[in-house]
Amino acid sequence: MNKPRIEAEQFFSVDMRVGTILSAERFAKAKKPAYQLTIDFGPLGIRHSSAQITQRYQPNDLIGRQVVAVVNLPPRNIAGFSSEVLVLGSMGEDGDVILLRPDERAENGSPIG
């Protein structure tokens, strides 16, 4: 799927940061299978996200894992849960999400540049 071109300024306004998953719980109220994630972004604080990553990951495997997320989107209410960040991943062949993460351990809250 091709998306329209954007100006560099639009892309640079997206605030992507590294965070560490503190907890992952099944999100029973979600329409599609998902987890409720609690993520530590260091100086930015603790944020929550709803992530449809149940095909590839088990909750216990996610704890302590670093991820990349967009942190400057407005919160989104999903079945009564405030999803504050968008965790990023690529789409696998089966439609599952493969989480993006740094090659090496990074400080929580580190910007992606």
C-alpha atoms as a PDB file:
ATOM      1  CA  MET A   1       0.000   0.000   0.000  1.00  0.00           C
ATOM      2  CA  ASN A   2       1.498   3.301  -1.101  1.00  0.00           C
ATOM      3  CA  LYS A   3       0.869   6.344   1.020  1.00  0.00           C
ATOM      4  CA  PRO A   4       1.020   9.956  -0.137  1.00  0.00           C
ATOM      5  CA  ARG A   5       4.325  11.808   0.135  1.00  0.00           C
ATOM      6  CA  ILE A   6       4.720  14.037   3.140  1.00  0.00           C
ATOM      7  CA  GLU A   7       7.082  16.866   3.902  1.00  0.00           C
ATOM      8  CA  ALA A   8      10.077  16.159   6.128  1.00  0.00           C
ATOM      9  CA  GLU A   9       8.684  18.576   8.731  1.00  0.00           C
ATOM     10  CA  GLN A  10       5.590  16.390   9.081  1.00  0.00           C
ATOM     11  CA  PHE A  11       7.702  13.312   9.726  1.00  0.00           C
ATOM     12  CA  PHE A  12      10.005  15.128  12.159  1.00  0.00           C
ATOM     13  CA  SER A  13       6.975  16.155  14.228  1.00  0.00           C
ATOM     14  CA  VAL A  14       6.394  12.483  15.113  1.00  0.00           C
ATOM     15  CA  ASP A  15       7.997  11.829  18.519  1.00  0.00           C
ATOM     16  CA  MET A  16       9.241   8.221  18.586  1.00  0.00           C
ATOM     17  CA  ARG A  17      10.899   6.946  21.765  1.00  0.00           C
ATOM     18  CA  VAL A  18      12.335   3.766  23.240  1.00  0.00           C
ATOM     19  CA  GLY A  19      10.525   2.282  26.223  1.00  0.00           C
ATOM     20  CA  THR A  20      10.593  -0.912  28.264  1.00  0.00           C
ATOM     21  CA  ILE A  21       7.460  -3.003  28.771  1.00  0.00           C
ATOM     22  CA  LEU A  22       6.717  -3.378  32.487  1.00  0.00           C
ATOM     23  CA  SER A  23       3.527  -5.429  32.165  1.00  0.00           C
ATOM     24  CA  ALA A  24       1.380  -7.065  29.493  1.00  0.00           C
ATOM     25  CA  GLU A  25      -2.135  -8.312  30.172  1.00  0.00           C
ATOM     26  CA  ARG A  26      -4.779  -9.770  27.911  1.00  0.00           C
ATOM     27  CA  PHE A  27      -7.347  -7.134  26.943  1.00  0.00           C
ATOM     28  CA  ALA A  28     -10.629  -9.049  27.239  1.00  0.00           C
ATOM     29  CA  LYS A  29     -12.862  -6.099  26.268  1.00  0.00           C
ATOM     30  CA  ALA A  30     -11.052  -5.359  22.984  1.00  0.00           C
ATOM     31  CA  LYS A  31     -12.896  -6.268  19.759  1.00  0.00           C
ATOM     32  CA  LYS A  32      -9.726  -7.838  18.323  1.00  0.00           C
ATOM     33  CA  PRO A  33      -7.254  -9.835  20.431  1.00  0.00           C
ATOM     34  CA  ALA A  34      -4.872  -7.405  22.146  1.00  0.00           C
ATOM     35  CA  TYR A  35      -2.740  -6.774  25.196  1.00  0.00           C
ATOM     36  CA  GLN A  36      -2.799  -3.832  27.566  1.00  0.00           C
ATOM     37  CA  LEU A  37       0.826  -2.769  27.884  1.00  0.00           C
ATOM     38  CA  THR A  38       2.419  -0.619  30.581  1.00  0.00           C
ATOM     39  CA  ILE A  39       5.629   0.929  29.238  1.00  0.00           C
ATOM     40  CA  ASP A  40       8.384   2.907  30.988  1.00  0.00           C
ATOM     41  CA  PHE A  41       9.631   5.860  28.938  1.00  0.00           C
ATOM     42  CA  GLY A  42      12.080   7.125  31.559  1.00  0.00           C
ATOM     43  CA  PRO A  43      11.784  10.909  31.969  1.00  0.00           C
ATOM     44  CA  LEU A  44       8.500  10.891  29.990  1.00  0.00           C
ATOM     45  CA  GLY A  45       6.953   8.595  32.581  1.00  0.00           C
ATOM     46  CA  ILE A  46       4.866   5.449  32.437  1.00  0.00           C
ATOM     47  CA  ARG A  47       2.437   5.179  29.523  1.00  0.00           C
ATOM     48  CA  HIS A  48      -0.174   2.623  28.478  1.00  0.00           C
ATOM     49  CA  SER A  49      -0.962   1.118  25.097  1.00  0.00           C
ATOM     50  CA  SER A  50      -3.370  -1.361  23.571  1.00  0.00           C
ATOM     51  CA  ALA A  51      -1.431  -3.547  21.139  1.00  0.00           C
ATOM     52  CA  GLN A  52      -2.740  -6.214  18.766  1.00  0.00           C
ATOM     53  CA  ILE A  53       0.343  -8.412  19.058  1.00  0.00           C
ATOM     54  CA  THR A  54      -1.176 -11.624  20.439  1.00  0.00           C
ATOM     55  CA  GLN A  55      -0.376 -13.810  17.400  1.00  0.00           C
ATOM     56  CA  ARG A  56       3.384 -13.611  17.889  1.00  0.00           C
ATOM     57  CA  TYR A  57       3.939 -12.750  21.561  1.00  0.00           C
ATOM     58  CA  GLN A  58       2.922 -14.142  24.948  1.00  0.00           C
ATOM     59  CA  PRO A  59       2.497 -11.658  27.825  1.00  0.00           C
ATOM     60  CA  ASN A  60       5.430 -13.014  29.875  1.00  0.00           C
ATOM     61  CA  ASP A  61       7.754 -12.788  26.851  1.00  0.00           C
ATOM     62  CA  LEU A  62       7.051  -9.054  26.546  1.00  0.00           C
ATOM     63  CA  ILE A  63       8.021  -8.014  30.076  1.00  0.00           C
ATOM     64  CA  GLY A  64      11.425  -6.314  30.005  1.00  0.00           C
ATOM     65  CA  ARG A  65      11.414  -6.033  26.209  1.00  0.00           C
ATOM     66  CA  GLN A  66      12.258  -2.669  24.707  1.00  0.00           C
ATOM     67  CA  VAL A  67       9.977  -1.254  22.024  1.00  0.00           C
ATOM     68  CA  VAL A  68       9.699   1.842  19.854  1.00  0.00           C
ATOM     69  CA  ALA A  69       6.513   3.889  20.187  1.00  0.00           C
ATOM     70  CA  VAL A  70       5.006   7.170  19.033  1.00  0.00           C
ATOM     71  CA  VAL A  71       4.438   9.176  22.212  1.00  0.00           C
ATOM     72  CA  ASN A  72       2.868  12.413  20.936  1.00  0.00           C
ATOM     73  CA  LEU A  73      -0.466  11.172  19.591  1.00  0.00           C
ATOM     74  CA  PRO A  74      -3.606  12.050  21.536  1.00  0.00           C
ATOM     75  CA  PRO A  75      -4.850   9.252  23.834  1.00  0.00           C
ATOM     76  CA  ARG A  76      -7.343   6.884  22.231  1.00  0.00           C
ATOM     77  CA  ASN A  77     -10.168   5.288  24.195  1.00  0.00           C
ATOM     78  CA  ILE A  78     -10.373   1.600  23.344  1.00  0.00           C
ATOM     79  CA  ALA A  79     -13.158  -0.238  25.175  1.00  0.00           C
ATOM     80  CA  GLY A  80     -12.749   2.023  28.213  1.00  0.00           C
ATOM     81  CA  PHE A  81      -8.929   1.822  28.202  1.00  0.00           C
ATOM     82  CA  SER A  82      -6.845   4.927  27.456  1.00  0.00           C
ATOM     83  CA  SER A  83      -4.170   3.956  24.923  1.00  0.00           C
ATOM     84  CA  GLU A  84      -1.580   6.730  25.230  1.00  0.00           C
ATOM     85  CA  VAL A  85       1.149   5.602  22.820  1.00  0.00           C
ATOM     86  CA  LEU A  86       1.341   3.709  19.530  1.00  0.00           C
ATOM     87  CA  VAL A  87       3.792   0.804  19.698  1.00  0.00           C
ATOM     88  CA  LEU A  88       5.440   0.313  16.299  1.00  0.00           C
ATOM     89  CA  GLY A  89       6.000  -2.878  14.356  1.00  0.00           C
ATOM     90  CA  SER A  90       6.186  -4.254  10.855  1.00  0.00           C
ATOM     91  CA  MET A  91       3.520  -6.471   9.365  1.00  0.00           C
ATOM     92  CA  GLY A  92       4.445 -10.135   9.034  1.00  0.00           C
ATOM     93  CA  GLU A  93       3.295 -12.333   6.166  1.00  0.00           C
ATOM     94  CA  ASP A  94       0.454 -13.750   8.273  1.00  0.00           C
ATOM     95  CA  GLY A  95      -0.770 -10.273   9.240  1.00  0.00           C
ATOM     96  CA  ASP A  96       0.857 -10.483  12.656  1.00  0.00           C
ATOM     97  CA  VAL A  97       2.893  -7.590  14.040  1.00  0.00           C
ATOM     98  CA  ILE A  98       6.661  -7.872  14.510  1.00  0.00           C
ATOM     99  CA  LEU A  99       7.694  -5.327  17.138  1.00  0.00           C
ATOM    100  CA  LEU A 100      10.418  -2.785  16.398  1.00  0.00           C
ATOM    101  CA  ARG A 101      13.175  -2.528  18.982  1.00  0.00           C
ATOM    102  CA  PRO A 102      16.713  -1.182  19.241  1.00  0.00           C
ATOM    103  CA  ASP A 103      19.613  -3.526  18.398  1.00  0.00           C
ATOM    104  CA  GLU A 104      21.178  -2.758  21.773  1.00  0.00           C
ATOM    105  CA  ARG A 105      19.711  -1.744  25.116  1.00  0.00           C
ATOM    106  CA  ALA A 106      18.872   1.969  25.115  1.00  0.00           C
ATOM    107  CA  GLU A 107      17.896   4.392  27.860  1.00  0.00           C
ATOM    108  CA  ASN A 108      14.135   4.539  28.350  1.00  0.00           C
ATOM    109  CA  GLY A 109      12.821   7.687  26.706  1.00  0.00           C
ATOM    110  CA  SER A 110      15.637   7.854  24.139  1.00  0.00           C
ATOM    111  CA  PRO A 111      14.406   9.585  20.978  1.00  0.00           C
ATOM    112  CA  ILE A 112      14.485   7.819  17.628  1.00  0.00           C
ATOM    113  CA  GLY A 113      16.327   9.891  15.062  1.00  0.00           C
END
